[in-house]
Structures are given as C-alpha cells and as structure tokens.
Amino acid sequence: MVSVPARRQQVAYGRERGLSARRACTLFSVARSALEYRSRKAAKDAPVVTRMKELSAQYPRYGYRRIRIFLNRDGHRMSPGRAHRLWQTARLQVPRKQPRKRIAAAPRPRPQAPSGPNQVWCYDFVFDHCANGQQLKCLTVADEFTKEGLAIDVDGRIRSARVIEVLSHLVSARGAPRFLRSDKPGSAICRYPTTRSATCWWPRATRARR
C-alpha cells in the first residue's frame, strides 16, 4: 500500500505533467484538502535525529537501543519503536566488525617461490562421485615449479598410511623435496617427509572470532 505522502508526491508529479489538481487527486485517491498539508513530525524529530547522529558518531559500536538510553538521559523520552524509526530515517547503522586474523605463536618456515623442480611439492584431496553415487577420494601430488602431476591415487577412502605410502614411492624415485605443502595437516603424514630432509608446511586458516 502506498503511503499518503507518497501519493501526494505522485499528485505533484501529475500536475507537473499537465494534469489539473482535481484530476490528479482523483487518480491517486488523495483529498484536495490534503495537498497543502505539511507534517509537523519532521520538525519535531529534527533535534532528536541530530542528537542521535552525534551520539552515533561518538559511539560507533552502539545501536539504536543503547543510543536510546543516552537520549532518555538527555530528556528525549521515546519508545523503542520510535527510536528504531528515527534510526532508520537517519540511515544510521553499526559498522560491520572486521574479523581478526590469528597470528601463529611460533614462526613457521614459509617456502619461497620454487626456482627449480623438486623443491616444493603440494598435495591435496579431490572428491568425486560415481554414477551409482559412490564417493571417490583422489590424492593428488604436484610439483609447484613444473606444474607436473606427480601422483594421483584414487580410492573410496584414503587413510594417512596410504598417503605416506604414495609419498614414499615418490621420494624413493625422485628424492625428497625441500618443502611439502598442504592445507590438510596431519601428524602421521608430516612425520615421514621430515625425517628425509623435507619440511612440511601448510597455510593456517584464519577465522573470525565470534
């Protein structure tokens, strides 16, 4: 349903387009006596809205409920509904809180960009499904410098022992890399390459604190 002030604006627009006042009021269902009506609510709420903007700038993390408490102390008594209406009229909002990034307690070795083959390997898991709905889990290992796919192992489930076995075959055939990168850390997986002159490294995920 269109509000009365909006219909008065429509009448004004119709008169600008050449309609008479009587015709425009009939089309938009507005009484002719209401054309010259001026609401006193805006003038009444103006000092409250001004003070609300000042408090919002002073306390940016406070919403309309807390700002209403300060307004009541200043003598502007109002209900929560009116405070919410004025808050929306002034188009005020609490800024979204920026998530904090977690910082590692101890520095971890971060591999530089590889300058040659067999320096940094990365492995990850890729999932797919068969036509009958069975899930497939794929272990993929790649060289970050040459972009060569070193191994792809596919099975219904892949445990850490299987990952260690695949990495063992690669280390035996190609030698151990300087870094082994993964975003799914596991103590059983990372214990193997570290004993063969490789450093296991994975980016730690950062989550917003709630």
C-alpha atoms as a PDB file:
ATOM      1  CA  MET A   1       0.000   0.000   0.000  1.00  0.00           C
ATOM      2  CA  VAL A   2       1.345   3.426  -0.968  1.00  0.00           C
ATOM      3  CA  SER A   3       1.546   5.927   1.878  1.00  0.00           C
ATOM      4  CA  VAL A   4      -0.236   9.282   1.819  1.00  0.00           C
ATOM      5  CA  PRO A   5       2.976  11.347   1.473  1.00  0.00           C
ATOM      6  CA  ALA A   6       3.989   9.191  -1.489  1.00  0.00           C
ATOM      7  CA  ARG A   7       0.589   9.735  -3.127  1.00  0.00           C
ATOM      8  CA  ARG A   8       0.926  13.490  -2.604  1.00  0.00           C
ATOM      9  CA  GLN A   9       4.248  13.331  -4.436  1.00  0.00           C
ATOM     10  CA  GLN A  10       2.513  11.472  -7.254  1.00  0.00           C
ATOM     11  CA  VAL A  11      -0.126  14.195  -7.425  1.00  0.00           C
ATOM     12  CA  ALA A  12       2.596  16.836  -7.636  1.00  0.00           C
ATOM     13  CA  TYR A  13       4.282  14.908 -10.432  1.00  0.00           C
ATOM     14  CA  GLY A  14       0.966  14.592 -12.291  1.00  0.00           C
ATOM     15  CA  ARG A  15       0.344  18.338 -12.033  1.00  0.00           C
ATOM     16  CA  GLU A  16       3.816  18.984 -13.426  1.00  0.00           C
ATOM     17  CA  ARG A  17       2.866  16.790 -16.406  1.00  0.00           C
ATOM     18  CA  GLY A  18      -0.187  18.924 -17.164  1.00  0.00           C
ATOM     19  CA  LEU A  19      -2.973  17.326 -15.084  1.00  0.00           C
ATOM     20  CA  SER A  20      -5.311  19.518 -13.110  1.00  0.00           C
ATOM     21  CA  ALA A  21      -5.359  19.267  -9.326  1.00  0.00           C
ATOM     22  CA  ARG A  22      -8.837  17.771  -9.315  1.00  0.00           C
ATOM     23  CA  ARG A  23      -7.938  15.139 -11.904  1.00  0.00           C
ATOM     24  CA  ALA A  24      -4.636  14.222 -10.218  1.00  0.00           C
ATOM     25  CA  CYS A  25      -6.303  13.883  -6.803  1.00  0.00           C
ATOM     26  CA  THR A  26      -8.969  11.623  -8.289  1.00  0.00           C
ATOM     27  CA  LEU A  27      -6.417   9.381  -9.982  1.00  0.00           C
ATOM     28  CA  PHE A  28      -4.237   8.940  -6.908  1.00  0.00           C
ATOM     29  CA  SER A  29      -7.050   8.914  -4.282  1.00  0.00           C
ATOM     30  CA  VAL A  30      -5.871  11.998  -2.418  1.00  0.00           C
ATOM     31  CA  ALA A  31      -8.179  14.566  -0.867  1.00  0.00           C
ATOM     32  CA  ARG A  32      -7.654  18.055  -2.267  1.00  0.00           C
ATOM     33  CA  SER A  33      -7.582  19.422   1.278  1.00  0.00           C
ATOM     34  CA  ALA A  34      -4.506  17.259   1.977  1.00  0.00           C
ATOM     35  CA  LEU A  35      -2.386  18.771  -0.794  1.00  0.00           C
ATOM     36  CA  GLU A  36      -1.158  21.661   1.329  1.00  0.00           C
ATOM     37  CA  TYR A  37      -0.723  19.583   4.470  1.00  0.00           C
ATOM     38  CA  ARG A  38       2.761  19.722   5.968  1.00  0.00           C
ATOM     39  CA  SER A  39       3.701  17.150   8.572  1.00  0.00           C
ATOM     40  CA  ARG A  40       4.978  18.526  11.872  1.00  0.00           C
ATOM     41  CA  LYS A  41       6.667  15.235  12.723  1.00  0.00           C
ATOM     42  CA  ALA A  42       9.864  16.090  10.809  1.00  0.00           C
ATOM     43  CA  ALA A  43      10.271  19.400  12.658  1.00  0.00           C
ATOM     44  CA  LYS A  44       9.566  17.659  15.963  1.00  0.00           C
ATOM     45  CA  ASP A  45      12.074  14.881  15.309  1.00  0.00           C
ATOM     46  CA  ALA A  46      14.824  17.101  13.881  1.00  0.00           C
ATOM     47  CA  PRO A  47      16.639  17.843  17.191  1.00  0.00           C
ATOM     48  CA  VAL A  48      16.345  14.199  18.254  1.00  0.00           C
ATOM     49  CA  VAL A  49      17.800  12.973  14.961  1.00  0.00           C
ATOM     50  CA  THR A  50      20.635  15.500  15.211  1.00  0.00           C
ATOM     51  CA  ARG A  51      21.497  14.339  18.720  1.00  0.00           C
ATOM     52  CA  MET A  52      21.222  10.713  17.621  1.00  0.00           C
ATOM     53  CA  LYS A  53      23.750  11.317  14.830  1.00  0.00           C
ATOM     54  CA  GLU A  54      26.136  12.955  17.298  1.00  0.00           C
ATOM     55  CA  LEU A  55      25.912  10.019  19.700  1.00  0.00           C
ATOM     56  CA  SER A  56      26.284   7.534  16.848  1.00  0.00           C
ATOM     57  CA  ALA A  57      29.475   9.277  15.708  1.00  0.00           C
ATOM     58  CA  GLN A  58      30.771   9.308  19.304  1.00  0.00           C
ATOM     59  CA  TYR A  59      29.881   5.666  19.958  1.00  0.00           C
ATOM     60  CA  PRO A  60      30.063   3.906  16.573  1.00  0.00           C
ATOM     61  CA  ARG A  61      29.643   0.418  18.057  1.00  0.00           C
ATOM     62  CA  TYR A  62      26.300   1.258  19.730  1.00  0.00           C
ATOM     63  CA  GLY A  63      22.987   0.503  18.100  1.00  0.00           C
ATOM     64  CA  TYR A  64      19.691   2.336  18.465  1.00  0.00           C
ATOM     65  CA  ARG A  65      18.885   0.584  21.751  1.00  0.00           C
ATOM     66  CA  ARG A  66      21.966   1.939  23.529  1.00  0.00           C
ATOM     67  CA  ILE A  67      21.623   5.322  21.837  1.00  0.00           C
ATOM     68  CA  ARG A  68      18.030   5.486  23.104  1.00  0.00           C
ATOM     69  CA  ILE A  69      19.337   5.207  26.687  1.00  0.00           C
ATOM     70  CA  PHE A  70      21.578   8.246  26.145  1.00  0.00           C
ATOM     71  CA  LEU A  71      18.683  10.146  24.573  1.00  0.00           C
ATOM     72  CA  ASN A  72      16.459   9.383  27.563  1.00  0.00           C
ATOM     73  CA  ARG A  73      19.164  10.780  29.843  1.00  0.00           C
ATOM     74  CA  ASP A  74      19.240  13.947  27.735  1.00  0.00           C
ATOM     75  CA  GLY A  75      15.497  14.376  28.163  1.00  0.00           C
ATOM     76  CA  HIS A  76      14.344  12.924  24.833  1.00  0.00           C
ATOM     77  CA  ARG A  77      11.943  10.289  26.130  1.00  0.00           C
ATOM     78  CA  MET A  78      10.825   7.827  23.484  1.00  0.00           C
ATOM     79  CA  SER A  79       9.721   4.259  22.979  1.00  0.00           C
ATOM     80  CA  PRO A  80      11.953   1.632  21.356  1.00  0.00           C
ATOM     81  CA  GLY A  81       9.735   1.714  18.272  1.00  0.00           C
ATOM     82  CA  ARG A  82      10.185   5.441  17.773  1.00  0.00           C
ATOM     83  CA  ALA A  83      13.932   5.139  18.362  1.00  0.00           C
ATOM     84  CA  HIS A  84      14.123   2.455  15.682  1.00  0.00           C
ATOM     85  CA  ARG A  85      12.075   4.573  13.261  1.00  0.00           C
ATOM     86  CA  LEU A  86      14.325   7.607  13.742  1.00  0.00           C
ATOM     87  CA  TRP A  87      17.400   5.410  13.454  1.00  0.00           C
ATOM     88  CA  GLN A  88      16.209   4.161  10.074  1.00  0.00           C
ATOM     89  CA  THR A  89      15.159   7.651   8.988  1.00  0.00           C
ATOM     90  CA  ALA A  90      18.665   8.938   9.691  1.00  0.00           C
ATOM     91  CA  ARG A  91      20.096   5.892   7.861  1.00  0.00           C
ATOM     92  CA  LEU A  92      22.390   5.018  10.723  1.00  0.00           C
ATOM     93  CA  GLN A  93      23.865   1.585  11.167  1.00  0.00           C
ATOM     94  CA  VAL A  94      26.513  -0.117  13.239  1.00  0.00           C
ATOM     95  CA  PRO A  95      29.644  -0.744  11.137  1.00  0.00           C
ATOM     96  CA  ARG A  96      30.365  -4.389  10.472  1.00  0.00           C
ATOM     97  CA  LYS A  97      33.047  -5.756  12.751  1.00  0.00           C
ATOM     98  CA  GLN A  98      36.222  -6.682  10.946  1.00  0.00           C
ATOM     99  CA  PRO A  99      37.441 -10.231  11.645  1.00  0.00           C
ATOM    100  CA  ARG A 100      40.720 -10.590  13.464  1.00  0.00           C
ATOM    101  CA  LYS A 101      43.496 -12.592  11.910  1.00  0.00           C
ATOM    102  CA  ARG A 102      45.084 -15.235  14.064  1.00  0.00           C
ATOM    103  CA  ILE A 103      48.828 -14.954  14.348  1.00  0.00           C
ATOM    104  CA  ALA A 104      50.906 -18.075  14.854  1.00  0.00           C
ATOM    105  CA  ALA A 105      52.583 -18.245  18.264  1.00  0.00           C
ATOM    106  CA  ALA A 106      55.871 -19.512  16.831  1.00  0.00           C
ATOM    107  CA  PRO A 107      57.274 -18.579  13.426  1.00  0.00           C
ATOM    108  CA  ARG A 108      56.898 -21.357  10.894  1.00  0.00           C
ATOM    109  CA  PRO A 109      59.075 -21.855   7.839  1.00  0.00           C
ATOM    110  CA  ARG A 110      57.392 -20.461   4.772  1.00  0.00           C
ATOM    111  CA  PRO A 111      58.641 -21.760   1.453  1.00  0.00           C
ATOM    112  CA  GLN A 112      59.754 -19.211  -1.074  1.00  0.00           C
ATOM    113  CA  ALA A 113      58.670 -19.438  -4.686  1.00  0.00           C
ATOM    114  CA  PRO A 114      60.434 -22.506  -6.132  1.00  0.00           C
ATOM    115  CA  SER A 115      63.264 -21.729  -8.513  1.00  0.00           C
ATOM    116  CA  GLY A 116      63.623 -25.261  -9.832  1.00  0.00           C
ATOM    117  CA  PRO A 117      61.945 -28.650  -9.964  1.00  0.00           C
ATOM    118  CA  ASN A 118      61.693 -30.953  -6.952  1.00  0.00           C
ATOM    119  CA  GLN A 119      61.865 -28.095  -4.467  1.00  0.00           C
ATOM    120  CA  VAL A 120      58.241 -27.679  -3.394  1.00  0.00           C
ATOM    121  CA  TRP A 121      55.582 -30.371  -3.665  1.00  0.00           C
ATOM    122  CA  CYS A 122      51.953 -29.839  -2.834  1.00  0.00           C
ATOM    123  CA  TYR A 123      49.279 -32.428  -2.224  1.00  0.00           C
ATOM    124  CA  ASP A 124      45.551 -32.182  -1.779  1.00  0.00           C
ATOM    125  CA  PHE A 125      42.383 -34.274  -1.866  1.00  0.00           C
ATOM    126  CA  VAL A 126      39.759 -34.044  -4.608  1.00  0.00           C
ATOM    127  CA  PHE A 127      36.331 -35.660  -4.287  1.00  0.00           C
ATOM    128  CA  ASP A 128      34.028 -37.006  -6.959  1.00  0.00           C
ATOM    129  CA  HIS A 129      31.128 -39.463  -7.270  1.00  0.00           C
ATOM    130  CA  CYS A 130      30.429 -42.463  -9.465  1.00  0.00           C
ATOM    131  CA  ALA A 131      27.217 -42.940 -11.412  1.00  0.00           C
ATOM    132  CA  ASN A 132      25.882 -45.158  -8.616  1.00  0.00           C
ATOM    133  CA  GLY A 133      26.540 -42.453  -6.011  1.00  0.00           C
ATOM    134  CA  GLN A 134      29.706 -43.942  -4.508  1.00  0.00           C
ATOM    135  CA  GLN A 135      32.143 -41.298  -3.344  1.00  0.00           C
ATOM    136  CA  LEU A 136      35.661 -41.226  -4.744  1.00  0.00           C
ATOM    137  CA  LYS A 137      38.582 -39.638  -2.934  1.00  0.00           C
ATOM    138  CA  CYS A 138      41.599 -38.652  -5.017  1.00  0.00           C
ATOM    139  CA  LEU A 139      45.031 -37.840  -3.627  1.00  0.00           C
ATOM    140  CA  THR A 140      46.901 -35.536  -5.996  1.00  0.00           C
ATOM    141  CA  VAL A 141      50.587 -34.592  -5.695  1.00  0.00           C
ATOM    142  CA  ALA A 142      52.150 -31.926  -7.927  1.00  0.00           C
ATOM    143  CA  ASP A 143      55.425 -30.061  -8.356  1.00  0.00           C
ATOM    144  CA  GLU A 144      54.797 -26.333  -7.923  1.00  0.00           C
ATOM    145  CA  PHE A 145      57.606 -25.303 -10.285  1.00  0.00           C
ATOM    146  CA  THR A 146      56.973 -27.593 -13.249  1.00  0.00           C
ATOM    147  CA  LYS A 147      53.207 -27.972 -12.555  1.00  0.00           C
ATOM    148  CA  GLU A 148      53.720 -31.682 -13.194  1.00  0.00           C
ATOM    149  CA  GLY A 149      51.255 -34.088 -11.661  1.00  0.00           C
ATOM    150  CA  LEU A 150      53.499 -36.469  -9.727  1.00  0.00           C
ATOM    151  CA  ALA A 151      50.807 -38.861  -8.499  1.00  0.00           C
ATOM    152  CA  ILE A 152      47.062 -39.394  -8.473  1.00  0.00           C
ATOM    153  CA  ASP A 153      45.739 -42.071  -6.144  1.00  0.00           C
ATOM    154  CA  VAL A 154      42.007 -42.850  -6.281  1.00  0.00           C
ATOM    155  CA  ASP A 155      40.053 -44.888  -3.743  1.00  0.00           C
ATOM    156  CA  GLY A 156      36.858 -44.847  -1.744  1.00  0.00           C
ATOM    157  CA  ARG A 157      38.774 -43.733   1.317  1.00  0.00           C
ATOM    158  CA  ILE A 158      42.413 -42.762   1.767  1.00  0.00           C
ATOM    159  CA  ARG A 159      43.958 -43.009   5.203  1.00  0.00           C
ATOM    160  CA  SER A 160      47.209 -41.448   6.381  1.00  0.00           C
ATOM    161  CA  ALA A 161      49.053 -44.733   5.888  1.00  0.00           C
ATOM    162  CA  ARG A 162      48.131 -44.662   2.205  1.00  0.00           C
ATOM    163  CA  VAL A 163      49.299 -41.053   1.885  1.00  0.00           C
ATOM    164  CA  ILE A 164      52.625 -41.998   3.463  1.00  0.00           C
ATOM    165  CA  GLU A 165      52.953 -44.915   1.055  1.00  0.00           C
ATOM    166  CA  VAL A 166      52.363 -42.709  -2.000  1.00  0.00           C
ATOM    167  CA  LEU A 167      54.849 -40.111  -0.756  1.00  0.00           C
ATOM    168  CA  SER A 168      57.374 -42.846  -0.006  1.00  0.00           C
ATOM    169  CA  HIS A 169      57.303 -44.055  -3.600  1.00  0.00           C
ATOM    170  CA  LEU A 170      57.769 -40.501  -4.868  1.00  0.00           C
ATOM    171  CA  VAL A 171      60.665 -39.781  -2.513  1.00  0.00           C
ATOM    172  CA  SER A 172      62.341 -43.061  -3.474  1.00  0.00           C
ATOM    173  CA  ALA A 173      62.008 -42.287  -7.179  1.00  0.00           C
ATOM    174  CA  ARG A 174      62.669 -38.526  -7.235  1.00  0.00           C
ATOM    175  CA  GLY A 175      64.290 -37.694  -3.921  1.00  0.00           C
ATOM    176  CA  ALA A 176      62.815 -35.627  -1.107  1.00  0.00           C
ATOM    177  CA  PRO A 177      61.724 -32.031  -1.832  1.00  0.00           C
ATOM    178  CA  ARG A 178      62.708 -29.110   0.346  1.00  0.00           C
ATOM    179  CA  PHE A 179      59.090 -28.311   1.244  1.00  0.00           C
ATOM    180  CA  LEU A 180      55.873 -30.308   1.234  1.00  0.00           C
ATOM    181  CA  ARG A 181      52.867 -28.026   1.162  1.00  0.00           C
ATOM    182  CA  SER A 182      49.303 -28.973   2.093  1.00  0.00           C
ATOM    183  CA  ASP A 183      46.213 -27.318   3.540  1.00  0.00           C
ATOM    184  CA  LYS A 184      45.189 -30.516   5.381  1.00  0.00           C
ATOM    185  CA  PRO A 185      47.834 -31.086   8.045  1.00  0.00           C
ATOM    186  CA  GLY A 186      48.218 -34.424   9.785  1.00  0.00           C
ATOM    187  CA  SER A 187      50.905 -35.501  12.221  1.00  0.00           C
ATOM    188  CA  ALA A 188      51.168 -39.020  10.738  1.00  0.00           C
ATOM    189  CA  ILE A 189      51.520 -37.621   7.225  1.00  0.00           C
ATOM    190  CA  CYS A 190      54.055 -34.929   8.049  1.00  0.00           C
ATOM    191  CA  ARG A 191      56.252 -37.120  10.209  1.00  0.00           C
ATOM    192  CA  TYR A 192      57.511 -39.105   7.237  1.00  0.00           C
ATOM    193  CA  PRO A 193      58.986 -36.443   4.943  1.00  0.00           C
ATOM    194  CA  THR A 194      60.571 -34.513   7.816  1.00  0.00           C
ATOM    195  CA  THR A 195      62.848 -37.455   8.516  1.00  0.00           C
ATOM    196  CA  ARG A 196      64.058 -37.265   4.911  1.00  0.00           C
ATOM    197  CA  SER A 197      65.196 -33.626   4.733  1.00  0.00           C
ATOM    198  CA  ALA A 198      61.817 -32.150   3.813  1.00  0.00           C
ATOM    199  CA  THR A 199      59.829 -29.560   5.769  1.00  0.00           C
ATOM    200  CA  CYS A 200      56.074 -29.926   5.976  1.00  0.00           C
ATOM    201  CA  TRP A 201      54.220 -26.607   5.678  1.00  0.00           C
ATOM    202  CA  TRP A 202      50.563 -25.695   5.372  1.00  0.00           C
ATOM    203  CA  PRO A 203      48.751 -22.335   5.493  1.00  0.00           C
ATOM    204  CA  ARG A 204      46.827 -21.925   8.700  1.00  0.00           C
ATOM    205  CA  ALA A 205      43.191 -20.955   8.118  1.00  0.00           C
ATOM    206  CA  THR A 206      42.080 -17.700   9.748  1.00  0.00           C
ATOM    207  CA  ARG A 207      38.612 -17.473  11.212  1.00  0.00           C
ATOM    208  CA  ALA A 208      36.710 -14.554  12.626  1.00  0.00           C
ATOM    209  CA  ARG A 209      36.330 -14.606  16.385  1.00  0.00           C
ATOM    210  CA  ARG A 210      32.757 -14.658  17.490  1.00  0.00           C
END
